[in-house]
Protein backbone atom coordinates (compact mmCIF):
# COMPACT_ATOMS: atom_id res chain seq x y z
CA MET A 1 -11.34 1.89 -22.77
CA ASN A 2 -9.24 -0.96 -21.45
CA THR A 3 -10.90 -4.26 -22.30
CA ILE A 4 -9.95 -7.67 -21.05
CA LYS A 5 -9.29 -10.41 -23.58
CA SER A 6 -11.93 -13.08 -23.99
CA PRO A 7 -11.65 -15.62 -21.20
CA VAL A 8 -10.41 -19.15 -21.79
CA HIS A 9 -12.41 -21.21 -19.33
CA ASN A 10 -11.02 -24.62 -18.55
CA MET A 11 -14.18 -26.66 -18.13
CA ALA A 12 -12.10 -29.57 -16.87
CA LEU A 13 -11.82 -27.64 -13.60
CA LEU A 14 -15.41 -28.54 -12.88
CA GLN A 15 -14.90 -32.28 -13.40
CA GLU A 16 -11.36 -32.90 -12.16
CA PRO A 17 -10.35 -33.37 -8.52
CA ARG A 18 -9.89 -30.19 -6.48
CA HIS A 19 -6.07 -30.36 -6.59
CA ARG A 20 -6.03 -29.67 -10.35
CA TRP A 21 -5.37 -26.00 -11.08
CA PRO A 22 -5.81 -24.05 -14.32
CA LEU A 23 -3.04 -23.69 -16.85
CA LYS A 24 -1.26 -20.36 -17.38
CA ALA A 25 -3.35 -19.66 -20.48
CA ASP A 26 -6.55 -19.96 -18.44
CA TYR A 27 -5.80 -16.95 -16.23
CA LEU A 28 -7.25 -13.59 -17.24
CA ASP A 29 -4.97 -10.62 -16.72
CA VAL A 30 -7.12 -8.12 -14.84
CA PRO A 31 -5.51 -4.70 -14.44
CA ARG A 32 -5.73 -3.28 -10.93
CA GLU A 33 -7.62 -0.22 -12.21
CA LYS A 34 -10.25 -2.46 -13.82
CA ALA A 35 -10.73 -4.50 -10.63
CA VAL A 36 -11.05 -1.33 -8.54
CA ALA A 37 -13.57 0.10 -11.03
CA ILE A 38 -15.69 -3.08 -10.81
CA VAL A 39 -15.72 -2.98 -7.00
CA GLU A 40 -16.47 0.76 -6.93
CA SER A 41 -19.38 0.42 -9.37
CA PHE A 42 -20.72 -2.49 -7.31
CA VAL A 43 -20.51 -0.42 -4.12
CA THR A 44 -22.18 2.54 -5.85
CA HIS A 45 -25.11 0.39 -6.94
CA PHE A 46 -25.48 -2.13 -4.09
CA GLY A 47 -23.71 -0.50 -1.11
CA PHE A 48 -21.03 -1.79 1.27
CA GLY A 49 -23.28 -4.26 3.08
CA TYR A 50 -22.76 -7.16 0.68
CA LEU A 51 -18.99 -6.69 0.66
CA ARG A 52 -18.80 -6.69 4.45
CA GLU A 53 -21.12 -9.69 4.70
CA ARG A 54 -19.52 -11.88 2.03
CA GLY A 55 -15.88 -10.76 1.91
CA ALA A 56 -13.18 -12.20 4.17
CA PHE A 57 -11.10 -9.05 4.44
CA ARG A 58 -7.92 -9.02 6.49
CA PHE A 59 -8.58 -5.52 7.83
CA MET A 60 -11.88 -4.24 9.17
CA ALA A 61 -11.13 -0.59 8.42
CA PRO A 62 -13.46 1.25 6.06
CA ILE A 63 -13.42 -0.49 2.69
CA LEU A 64 -11.89 1.85 0.14
CA PRO A 65 -11.48 -0.09 -3.13
CA ALA A 66 -8.61 2.11 -4.36
CA ARG A 67 -6.55 1.32 -1.22
CA LEU A 68 -7.11 -2.44 -1.08
CA ASP A 69 -4.04 -4.62 -1.43
CA VAL A 70 -4.04 -7.52 -3.88
CA PHE A 71 -5.47 -10.08 -1.43
CA ASP A 72 -8.28 -7.85 -0.22
CA LEU A 73 -9.02 -6.80 -3.80
CA TYR A 74 -9.35 -10.49 -4.69
CA GLU A 75 -11.73 -10.96 -1.74
CA ALA A 76 -13.76 -7.96 -2.90
CA LEU A 77 -13.99 -9.34 -6.46
CA LYS A 78 -14.98 -12.73 -5.10
CA ALA A 79 -17.71 -11.10 -2.99
CA VAL A 80 -18.92 -9.12 -6.03
CA PHE A 81 -19.10 -12.22 -8.24
CA ASP A 82 -20.79 -14.31 -5.54
CA THR A 83 -23.34 -11.61 -4.77
CA VAL A 84 -24.18 -10.86 -8.40
CA ASN A 85 -24.35 -14.56 -9.29
CA GLY A 86 -26.09 -15.74 -6.15
CA TYR A 87 -29.19 -13.59 -6.10
CA ASN A 88 -32.04 -13.11 -8.53
CA TRP A 89 -32.06 -9.34 -9.01
CA GLY A 90 -35.35 -7.89 -10.18
CA ASP A 91 -34.42 -4.49 -11.53
CA THR A 92 -32.91 -3.97 -14.97
CA GLU A 93 -29.91 -2.01 -13.66
CA SER A 94 -28.76 -4.99 -11.59
CA ARG A 95 -29.24 -7.38 -14.50
CA ALA A 96 -27.23 -5.03 -16.71
CA PHE A 97 -24.39 -5.06 -14.15
CA LYS A 98 -24.38 -8.87 -14.18
CA GLU A 99 -24.39 -8.94 -18.00
CA ARG A 100 -21.41 -6.55 -18.10
CA LEU A 101 -19.47 -8.85 -15.78
CA GLU A 102 -20.37 -11.89 -17.88
CA ASP A 103 -19.27 -10.10 -21.06
CA GLU A 104 -15.83 -9.51 -19.57
CA PHE A 105 -15.28 -12.65 -17.49
CA GLY A 106 -17.54 -15.24 -19.10
CA PRO A 107 -20.28 -17.13 -17.27
CA LEU A 108 -20.21 -16.43 -13.54
CA THR A 109 -21.51 -19.93 -12.78
CA GLY A 110 -18.13 -21.59 -13.38
CA HIS A 111 -14.62 -21.12 -12.08
CA ILE A 112 -12.95 -17.85 -13.04
CA ALA A 113 -9.16 -17.82 -13.05
CA ILE A 114 -7.74 -14.30 -12.77
CA ARG A 115 -4.31 -12.75 -12.41
CA LEU A 116 -4.13 -9.59 -10.27
CA GLN A 117 -0.81 -7.79 -10.05
CA GLY A 118 1.06 -10.95 -11.04
CA ARG A 119 -0.68 -13.20 -8.49
CA CYS A 120 -3.03 -15.95 -9.64
CA PHE A 121 -6.42 -16.56 -8.03
CA VAL A 122 -9.38 -18.83 -8.79
CA ILE A 123 -12.88 -17.66 -7.94
CA ALA A 124 -15.24 -20.60 -7.56
CA ALA A 125 -18.88 -19.72 -8.13
CA GLU A 126 -21.50 -20.34 -5.51
CA LYS A 127 -24.76 -21.96 -6.45
CA PRO A 128 -27.51 -19.39 -7.18
CA LYS A 129 -30.05 -18.86 -4.39
CA HIS A 130 -33.54 -18.40 -5.77
């Protein structure tokens, strides 16, 4: 099983002006296979509706996680994190999915700096909607 190293969250991102970006050590290396597996398990559990609603994909073709390029894969991960963080899920399976994401990426309520295929992205968390 391919595990991701423990995240180093730069809490200064939350207090500093928007133009301040994380340091190289703050980015988590996320293998493409891991990102695709996260999106596929999300789609299996929740369906494509949340991805289409919340993701800003460049192409409107059917969303196949294994065929997404790096930018659309980032958008899919961002939609997954926002959806899982933003809603209060009642069933235990959904809570378990959120806990698995938090175990790998840290708290979903802060900024998550990831590196996908050599490109750096920052996913800013939305405020939870209760």
